[in-house]
Protein backbone atom coordinates (compact mmCIF):
# COMPACT_ATOMS: atom_id res chain seq x y z
CA UNK A 1 34.74 15.35 5.48
CA UNK A 2 36.83 14.74 2.36
CA UNK A 3 39.09 17.96 2.94
CA UNK A 4 39.09 17.27 6.74
CA UNK A 5 40.77 13.65 5.16
CA UNK A 6 43.04 15.20 3.43
CA UNK A 7 44.57 17.64 5.81
CA UNK A 8 45.01 14.60 8.28
CA UNK A 9 46.45 12.79 5.53
CA UNK A 10 49.21 15.13 5.39
CA UNK A 11 49.63 15.45 9.13
CA UNK A 12 48.86 11.55 9.94
CA UNK A 13 48.28 9.26 7.46
CA UNK A 14 48.24 6.17 9.70
CA UNK A 15 45.02 8.21 11.37
CA UNK A 16 43.41 8.73 8.51
CA UNK A 17 43.47 5.44 7.13
CA UNK A 18 41.84 3.78 10.48
CA UNK A 19 39.16 6.94 10.03
CA UNK A 20 38.84 5.69 6.18
CA UNK A 21 38.23 2.04 7.46
CA UNK A 22 35.96 2.72 10.04
CA UNK A 23 33.84 5.03 7.57
CA UNK A 24 33.58 2.41 4.94
CA UNK A 25 32.25 -0.39 8.07
CA UNK A 26 30.04 2.51 9.14
CA UNK A 27 28.95 2.77 6.07
CA UNK A 28 28.07 -0.63 5.07
CA UNK A 29 25.49 -0.48 8.00
CA UNK A 30 23.40 2.16 6.41
CA UNK A 31 23.33 5.95 7.40
CA UNK A 32 20.10 5.76 10.33
CA UNK A 33 22.89 6.01 13.26
CA UNK A 34 23.49 9.39 11.64
CA UNK A 35 19.97 10.47 10.86
CA UNK A 36 18.94 10.12 14.51
CA UNK A 37 19.27 13.51 15.34
CA UNK A 38 18.26 14.91 12.77
CA UNK A 39 14.64 17.54 13.23
CA UNK A 40 13.38 15.96 10.32
CA UNK A 41 14.09 11.85 11.08
CA UNK A 42 11.39 9.20 9.92
CA UNK A 43 10.91 5.81 10.41
CA UNK A 44 9.07 3.65 8.85
CA UNK A 45 6.07 3.79 10.66
CA UNK A 46 5.64 6.97 10.47
CA UNK A 47 5.85 7.00 7.06
CA UNK A 48 2.90 4.58 6.57
CA UNK A 49 0.92 6.57 9.09
CA UNK A 50 1.47 9.57 7.17
CA UNK A 51 0.69 8.09 3.75
CA UNK A 52 -2.24 6.20 5.79
CA UNK A 53 -3.92 9.55 6.72
CA UNK A 54 -3.73 11.61 3.40
CA UNK A 55 -7.05 13.18 3.26
CA UNK A 56 -7.93 11.87 -0.46
CA UNK A 57 -6.89 8.43 0.32
CA UNK A 58 -9.66 8.38 3.31
CA UNK A 59 -11.81 10.31 1.56
CA UNK A 60 -11.74 7.45 -1.80
CA UNK A 61 -12.09 4.72 0.63
CA UNK A 62 -14.85 5.94 2.79
CA UNK A 63 -16.70 7.23 -0.26
CA UNK A 64 -17.14 3.86 -1.29
CA UNK A 65 -18.75 2.35 1.88
CA UNK A 66 -20.95 4.79 1.51
CA UNK A 67 -21.95 4.59 -1.89
CA UNK A 68 -22.77 1.09 -1.01
CA UNK A 69 -24.51 2.19 2.03
CA UNK A 70 -26.57 4.93 -0.06
CA UNK A 71 -27.37 1.77 -2.61
CA UNK A 72 -28.79 -0.67 0.71
CA UNK A 73 -31.10 2.34 1.55
CA UNK A 74 -32.53 2.48 -1.10
CA UNK A 75 -33.38 -0.38 -1.72
CA UNK A 76 -34.71 -0.57 1.39
CA UNK A 77 -37.10 2.71 1.39
CA UNK A 78 -40.43 1.93 1.62
CA UNK A 79 -43.05 2.42 -0.41
CA UNK A 80 -44.36 6.41 -0.21
CA UNK A 81 -48.54 5.82 1.04
CA UNK A 82 -50.71 7.93 -1.73
CA UNK A 83 -53.31 10.90 -1.21
CA UNK A 84 -55.65 11.46 -4.08
CA UNK A 85 -58.50 13.35 -4.20
CA UNK A 86 -61.21 12.62 -7.21
CA UNK A 87 -64.24 14.34 -8.20
CA UNK A 88 -67.51 13.29 -9.44
CA UNK A 89 -70.44 15.13 -10.86
CA UNK A 90 -73.34 14.41 -12.64
CA UNK A 91 -76.09 17.52 -13.86
CA UNK A 92 -79.45 17.72 -14.67
CA UNK A 93 -82.86 17.64 -11.95
CA UNK A 94 -81.25 14.56 -10.55
CA UNK A 95 -77.39 15.32 -10.79
CA UNK A 96 -75.17 14.57 -7.86
CA UNK A 97 -71.94 15.22 -6.78
CA UNK A 98 -69.06 12.82 -5.22
CA UNK A 99 -66.05 13.13 -3.55
CA UNK A 100 -63.41 10.72 -2.84
CA UNK A 101 -60.02 11.55 -0.49
CA UNK A 102 -58.29 8.47 -0.11
CA UNK A 103 -54.80 7.72 1.62
CA UNK A 104 -53.23 4.35 -0.17
CA UNK A 105 -50.02 2.21 1.15
CA UNK A 106 -48.59 -0.48 -0.99
CA UNK A 107 -46.93 -4.00 1.20
CA UNK A 108 -43.98 -5.75 -0.07
CA UNK A 109 -45.89 -9.49 1.14
CA UNK A 110 -42.92 -11.08 -0.12
CA UNK A 111 -39.94 -8.76 2.01
CA UNK A 112 -38.21 -8.54 -1.39
CA UNK A 113 -37.62 -5.26 -0.12
CA UNK A 114 -36.17 -6.48 3.37
CA UNK A 115 -34.18 -8.73 1.42
CA UNK A 116 -32.56 -6.46 -0.91
CA UNK A 117 -31.73 -3.90 1.97
CA UNK A 118 -29.69 -6.96 3.80
CA UNK A 119 -27.76 -6.92 0.46
CA UNK A 120 -26.70 -4.13 0.10
CA UNK A 121 -25.56 -3.70 3.94
CA UNK A 122 -23.32 -6.50 2.91
CA UNK A 123 -21.64 -4.74 -0.04
CA UNK A 124 -20.95 -1.70 2.27
CA UNK A 125 -19.23 -4.22 4.44
CA UNK A 126 -17.17 -5.59 1.33
CA UNK A 127 -16.55 -2.53 0.44
CA UNK A 128 -15.23 -1.62 3.85
CA UNK A 129 -12.96 -4.24 3.19
CA UNK A 130 -11.95 -3.57 0.35
CA UNK A 131 -10.69 -0.41 1.11
CA UNK A 132 -8.84 -2.13 4.08
CA UNK A 133 -7.13 -4.30 1.61
CA UNK A 134 -6.32 -1.03 -0.42
CA UNK A 135 -4.81 0.01 2.97
CA UNK A 136 -2.87 -2.92 3.40
CA UNK A 137 -1.45 -2.45 -0.14
CA UNK A 138 -1.03 1.59 0.32
CA UNK A 139 1.41 0.76 3.27
CA UNK A 140 3.38 -1.46 1.32
CA UNK A 141 3.90 0.71 -1.23
CA UNK A 142 5.04 3.13 1.35
CA UNK A 143 7.52 0.52 3.12
CA UNK A 144 8.59 -0.29 -0.92
CA UNK A 145 9.60 3.61 -1.48
CA UNK A 146 10.83 3.68 2.26
CA UNK A 147 13.27 1.31 2.24
CA UNK A 148 14.19 2.19 -1.60
CA UNK A 149 15.19 5.36 0.15
CA UNK A 150 17.47 4.01 2.76
CA UNK A 151 19.39 1.48 0.35
CA UNK A 152 20.29 4.52 -2.39
CA UNK A 153 21.31 6.40 0.74
CA UNK A 154 23.39 3.53 1.89
CA UNK A 155 25.06 3.33 -1.51
CA UNK A 156 25.59 6.70 -1.83
CA UNK A 157 27.74 6.90 1.87
CA UNK A 158 29.69 3.66 0.32
CA UNK A 159 30.66 5.74 -2.69
CA UNK A 160 31.39 8.62 -0.55
CA UNK A 161 33.58 6.68 1.46
CA UNK A 162 35.30 5.10 -1.82
CA UNK A 163 35.91 8.70 -3.26
CA UNK A 164 37.27 9.25 0.32
CA UNK A 165 39.70 6.42 -0.49
CA UNK A 166 40.92 7.66 -3.51
CA UNK A 167 41.31 11.17 -2.39
CA UNK A 168 43.54 9.54 0.59
CA UNK A 169 46.04 7.56 -1.64
CA UNK A 170 45.71 10.70 -4.15
CA UNK A 171 47.61 12.49 -0.96
CA UNK A 172 50.22 9.56 -0.57
CA UNK A 173 51.08 10.23 -4.45
CA UNK A 174 51.23 13.51 -4.13
CA UNK A 175 54.13 12.98 -0.92
CA UNK A 176 55.91 9.58 -3.20
CA UNK A 177 55.67 11.59 -6.07
CA UNK A 178 57.57 15.20 -4.34
CA UNK A 179 59.99 12.26 -2.99
CA UNK A 180 60.48 11.05 -6.76
CA UNK A 181 59.46 7.96 -5.43
CA UNK A 182 56.02 7.90 -7.67
CA UNK A 183 55.61 7.42 -10.39
CA UNK A 184 53.03 10.30 -12.89
CA UNK A 185 51.10 6.84 -14.27
CA UNK A 186 50.13 6.74 -10.94
CA UNK A 187 49.00 9.33 -10.31
CA UNK A 188 47.13 10.37 -13.72
CA UNK A 189 45.64 6.46 -13.25
CA UNK A 190 43.99 7.30 -9.13
CA UNK A 191 42.67 10.98 -10.80
CA UNK A 192 40.72 8.91 -13.71
CA UNK A 193 39.45 6.14 -10.85
CA UNK A 194 38.46 9.20 -8.89
CA UNK A 195 36.72 10.77 -11.86
CA UNK A 196 34.90 7.27 -12.31
CA UNK A 197 34.22 7.48 -8.44
CA UNK A 198 32.47 11.11 -8.43
CA UNK A 199 30.56 9.84 -11.47
CA UNK A 200 28.79 7.33 -10.00
CA UNK A 201 28.41 8.90 -6.89
CA UNK A 202 26.76 11.66 -9.09
CA UNK A 203 24.52 9.11 -10.09
CA UNK A 204 23.53 7.91 -7.01
CA UNK A 205 22.91 10.95 -5.60
CA UNK A 206 20.69 11.38 -8.18
CA UNK A 207 18.92 8.30 -7.59
CA UNK A 208 18.59 9.08 -3.86
CA UNK A 209 16.49 12.69 -4.70
CA UNK A 210 14.38 10.40 -7.29
CA UNK A 211 13.94 8.21 -4.39
CA UNK A 212 12.67 10.37 -2.03
CA UNK A 213 10.51 12.67 -4.32
CA UNK A 214 8.81 9.12 -4.84
CA UNK A 215 8.47 8.86 -1.03
CA UNK A 216 7.33 12.43 -0.07
CA UNK A 217 4.73 12.43 -2.78
CA UNK A 218 3.02 9.39 -1.33
CA UNK A 219 3.04 10.63 2.68
CA UNK A 220 2.49 14.05 1.90
CA UNK A 221 5.74 15.66 3.15
CA UNK A 222 6.42 19.39 2.83
CA UNK A 223 9.68 20.95 3.36
CA UNK A 224 13.26 19.64 3.29
CA UNK A 225 13.50 15.80 2.41
CA UNK A 226 13.36 13.84 5.90
CA UNK A 227 16.31 11.65 6.81
CA UNK A 228 15.15 8.68 7.25
CA UNK A 229 15.68 6.05 10.78
CA UNK A 230 15.84 2.14 10.10
CA UNK A 231 17.68 -0.83 8.90
CA UNK A 232 17.19 -2.25 5.59
CA UNK A 233 17.80 -5.64 7.29
CA UNK A 234 14.85 -7.25 8.67
CA UNK A 235 14.85 -7.78 12.16
CA UNK A 236 13.59 -11.11 12.32
CA UNK A 237 12.90 -14.43 10.82
CA UNK A 238 9.11 -14.59 9.03
CA UNK A 239 6.62 -16.74 10.70
CA UNK A 240 5.81 -20.60 9.35
CA UNK A 241 4.66 -21.49 6.54
CA UNK A 242 1.35 -22.97 7.93
CA UNK A 243 1.00 -19.93 10.00
CA UNK A 244 1.10 -17.34 7.51
CA UNK A 245 -1.23 -19.45 5.29
CA UNK A 246 -3.73 -19.40 8.07
CA UNK A 247 -3.19 -15.22 8.51
CA UNK A 248 -3.40 -15.01 4.66
CA UNK A 249 -7.05 -16.99 4.97
CA UNK A 250 -8.30 -13.52 6.64
CA UNK A 251 -6.97 -11.35 4.05
CA UNK A 252 -9.64 -8.17 4.03
CA UNK A 253 -9.98 -8.96 0.31
CA UNK A 254 -10.79 -12.57 0.91
CA UNK A 255 -13.16 -11.29 3.33
CA UNK A 256 -14.64 -8.80 0.70
CA UNK A 257 -15.18 -11.53 -1.70
CA UNK A 258 -16.97 -13.93 1.06
CA UNK A 259 -19.04 -10.67 1.77
CA UNK A 260 -20.59 -9.82 -1.81
CA UNK A 261 -21.04 -13.63 -2.29
CA UNK A 262 -23.44 -13.26 0.88
CA UNK A 263 -24.78 -10.14 -0.53
CA UNK A 264 -25.31 -12.17 -4.43
CA UNK A 265 -27.17 -15.12 -2.37
CA UNK A 266 -29.42 -12.24 -0.62
CA UNK A 267 -30.18 -11.10 -4.04
CA UNK A 268 -31.09 -14.02 -5.35
CA UNK A 269 -33.54 -14.97 -3.00
CA UNK A 270 -35.29 -11.69 -3.39
CA UNK A 271 -35.74 -12.48 -6.99
CA UNK A 272 -37.03 -15.62 -5.94
CA UNK A 273 -39.89 -14.48 -4.74
CA UNK A 274 -40.92 -12.67 -7.70
CA UNK A 275 -44.36 -14.36 -6.91
CA UNK A 276 -45.24 -12.87 -3.79
CA UNK A 277 -47.72 -10.04 -4.83
CA UNK A 278 -48.08 -6.81 -3.40
CA UNK A 279 -51.19 -5.88 -1.46
CA UNK A 280 -52.37 -2.28 -1.36
CA UNK A 281 -54.49 -1.35 1.59
CA UNK A 282 -57.13 1.77 0.52
CA UNK A 283 -59.39 3.91 3.06
CA UNK A 284 -60.70 7.63 2.97
CA UNK A 285 -63.34 9.73 2.61
CA UNK A 286 -66.53 9.82 0.24
CA UNK A 287 -69.24 12.58 0.43
CA UNK A 288 -72.36 12.88 -2.06
CA UNK A 289 -73.86 16.32 -2.85
CA UNK A 290 -77.73 15.49 -3.12
CA UNK A 291 -80.67 17.21 -4.89
CA UNK A 292 -81.01 20.36 -2.93
CA UNK A 293 -79.04 21.07 0.18
CA UNK A 294 -78.99 17.72 1.22
CA UNK A 295 -75.51 16.33 1.48
CA UNK A 296 -74.63 12.33 3.08
CA UNK A 297 -70.94 11.48 4.01
CA UNK A 298 -69.31 7.82 4.26
CA UNK A 299 -66.11 6.51 4.20
CA UNK A 300 -64.03 3.81 1.49
CA UNK A 301 -62.17 0.92 2.26
CA UNK A 302 -60.90 -1.02 -0.10
CA UNK A 303 -58.05 -3.61 -0.74
CA UNK A 304 -56.38 -5.09 -3.98
CA UNK A 305 -53.56 -7.53 -4.80
CA UNK A 306 -51.74 -7.83 -7.72
CA UNK A 307 -51.27 -10.69 -10.21
CA UNK A 308 -48.25 -11.63 -10.53
CA UNK A 309 -48.34 -13.81 -13.92
CA UNK A 310 -44.96 -13.06 -15.68
CA UNK A 311 -41.46 -13.03 -13.86
CA UNK A 312 -40.33 -8.87 -13.80
CA UNK A 313 -37.43 -10.02 -11.74
CA UNK A 314 -35.86 -12.45 -13.86
CA UNK A 315 -32.87 -10.18 -14.70
CA UNK A 316 -32.14 -9.65 -11.02
CA UNK A 317 -32.13 -13.04 -10.54
CA UNK A 318 -29.17 -13.46 -13.56
CA UNK A 319 -27.28 -10.57 -12.17
CA UNK A 320 -27.10 -11.90 -8.31
CA UNK A 321 -25.96 -15.21 -10.10
CA UNK A 322 -23.29 -14.03 -12.10
CA UNK A 323 -22.12 -11.80 -9.33
CA UNK A 324 -21.89 -14.92 -7.42
CA UNK A 325 -20.46 -16.84 -9.80
CA UNK A 326 -17.67 -14.29 -10.26
CA UNK A 327 -16.75 -13.69 -6.38
CA UNK A 328 -16.20 -17.32 -5.93
CA UNK A 329 -14.28 -17.89 -8.97
CA UNK A 330 -12.12 -14.89 -7.84
CA UNK A 331 -11.64 -16.54 -3.94
CA UNK A 332 -10.64 -19.20 -5.69
CA UNK A 333 -7.92 -17.81 -7.91
CA UNK A 334 -6.90 -15.67 -5.23
CA UNK A 335 -6.78 -18.52 -2.76
CA UNK A 336 -4.72 -20.73 -4.92
CA UNK A 337 -2.49 -18.11 -5.49
CA UNK A 338 -2.09 -17.72 -1.95
CA UNK A 339 -1.46 -21.29 -1.54
CA UNK A 340 1.28 -21.34 -4.18
CA UNK A 341 3.35 -18.52 -3.81
CA UNK A 342 3.37 -18.10 0.07
CA UNK A 343 5.29 -20.36 0.86
CA UNK A 344 7.86 -19.43 -1.91
CA UNK A 345 7.60 -15.64 -0.49
CA UNK A 346 8.84 -17.11 2.96
CA UNK A 347 11.41 -19.02 1.83
CA UNK A 348 12.85 -16.39 -0.24
CA UNK A 349 12.32 -13.58 2.37
CA UNK A 350 14.25 -16.24 5.16
CA UNK A 351 17.18 -16.98 2.84
CA UNK A 352 17.80 -13.34 1.25
CA UNK A 353 18.06 -12.43 5.07
CA UNK A 354 20.46 -14.91 6.65
CA UNK A 355 22.66 -14.87 3.49
CA UNK A 356 22.58 -10.93 4.03
CA UNK A 357 23.88 -11.18 7.63
CA UNK A 358 26.67 -14.01 6.79
CA UNK A 359 27.85 -11.86 3.95
CA UNK A 360 28.06 -8.72 6.58
CA UNK A 361 29.55 -10.85 8.83
CA UNK A 362 32.41 -12.29 6.59
CA UNK A 363 32.70 -9.23 4.40
CA UNK A 364 33.16 -6.22 6.36
CA UNK A 365 35.99 -7.04 8.19
CA UNK A 366 37.87 -8.63 5.61
CA UNK A 367 37.07 -5.85 3.67
CA UNK A 368 38.85 -3.50 6.40
CA UNK A 369 41.92 -5.70 6.62
CA UNK A 370 42.74 -5.80 2.98
CA UNK A 371 42.35 -1.52 2.53
CA UNK A 372 44.30 -1.80 5.68
CA UNK A 373 46.73 -4.18 4.37
CA UNK A 374 46.67 -2.21 1.19
CA UNK A 375 47.41 1.52 1.80
CA UNK A 376 49.53 1.05 4.19
CA UNK A 377 51.42 -1.26 1.61
CA UNK A 378 51.10 1.22 -0.95
CA UNK A 379 52.38 3.80 1.27
CA UNK A 380 55.58 1.73 1.95
CA UNK A 381 56.60 0.85 -1.59
CA UNK A 382 55.46 -2.51 -0.84
CA UNK A 383 52.53 -3.19 -3.21
CA UNK A 384 51.78 -1.42 -6.21
CA UNK A 385 48.97 0.91 -7.78
CA UNK A 386 46.72 -2.31 -8.86
CA UNK A 387 46.62 -3.44 -5.63
CA UNK A 388 45.74 -0.78 -4.06
CA UNK A 389 42.78 -0.04 -6.72
CA UNK A 390 41.48 -3.86 -5.96
CA UNK A 391 41.07 -3.66 -2.49
CA UNK A 392 39.82 -0.08 -2.75
CA UNK A 393 37.07 -1.60 -5.61
CA UNK A 394 36.90 -4.95 -3.21
CA UNK A 395 35.62 -2.89 -0.05
CA UNK A 396 33.09 -0.77 -2.30
CA UNK A 397 31.94 -3.72 -4.08
CA UNK A 398 31.48 -5.91 -0.60
CA UNK A 399 29.45 -2.53 1.09
CA UNK A 400 27.22 -2.28 -2.27
CA UNK A 401 26.60 -6.18 -2.44
CA UNK A 402 25.84 -5.96 1.76
CA UNK A 403 23.48 -3.06 1.21
CA UNK A 404 21.13 -4.64 -2.03
CA UNK A 405 21.15 -8.06 -0.54
CA UNK A 406 19.70 -6.25 2.60
CA UNK A 407 17.51 -4.37 0.38
CA UNK A 408 16.12 -7.37 -1.64
CA UNK A 409 16.00 -9.52 2.05
CA UNK A 410 13.50 -6.31 2.94
CA UNK A 411 11.58 -6.26 -0.67
CA UNK A 412 10.37 -9.76 0.30
CA UNK A 413 9.37 -9.48 3.77
CA UNK A 414 7.50 -6.56 2.81
CA UNK A 415 5.88 -8.69 0.25
CA UNK A 416 5.08 -11.26 2.31
CA UNK A 417 3.68 -9.41 4.87
CA UNK A 418 1.15 -8.18 1.66
CA UNK A 419 0.42 -11.17 0.79
CA UNK A 420 -0.03 -12.00 4.37
CA UNK A 421 -2.95 -8.92 5.07
CA UNK A 422 -0.28 -6.98 7.06
CA UNK A 423 -0.32 -3.55 6.75
CA UNK A 424 2.77 -1.99 8.75
CA UNK A 425 5.10 -4.05 11.11
């Protein structure tokens, strides 16, 4: 592009000036439009979907749910029946042999098993809610990295436009120097400015590559880095503070804490039934071999109860009580933090968005006018080199400031979405 501008500058300097102005205005709006035709174009929602569809992430989140579900099934499992065979034999002329074959089953009269099973199922639901919370965190990270790439690509485009403008000015200086209308200092000064601008551009390009690497590693993208489609500036104002507080109360991590609190209550209820005995039912066959060939057969029945003299579930009760206390504390801390920070983050997001819109509306046209006036004035000998460089730098600074402010507004919006439990826009 720079070579094209330089060729134009030799033949049509006025057209070149307008082309440069149009380019800087375009780069201030980001490079999303040019990216739409790329076969590697990627939107924000697609980046989030790719980040959440990674097999490793799904394995981690679903694995935690399966762990809690399995523990609940272990706690809810029935005791297995027992089969026993006993042979009693006496010797002598009156010796006898007795055979016993029994089947026994222990019954939990206090239903502690059922309560512990329900607690395990509730913990599985809590793990699922925690997985949803983790998904929101991953989605927010994917959005942050996506817009970081957009931001850096926009900055690189603006610095490229700065380099093009300096090359245009160098072409003008070269023509004036050939005519004897420009001093050697002007060319040397512009060459120095070109070197500085080129170094900043290379630094920004390195930042683009690093940001692209961070994004592609998160979304599992292989091959050439994708070109991104999207806008840095959020499309709309956030919801009202009251609506956001209402939405935030349904955050998955808060729901998970409530579920873990419910599971601890069930565990404590199971431990409180330590006094309920276990019932053991037994039945079977008895055979007695009498003296000689005679034999007698019959049956046996048995019922027994355990004697709960000691509180063997004190440890379980202590654990359940401590878990409930910790869950209530974490819930109170999280709700307090949300109540204190949500309004501030919402105000930051709204204020930054309005400021970015106003800055773009006022700075874009003003910067373009200054570049046009300074370029024409320097070409006509009415303005000096310092005025030209000041206009160029001012236009670049304005464009970079707009991008930085839009990026800050986007980051604040993503943080607001994360706080309210929104996975993706």
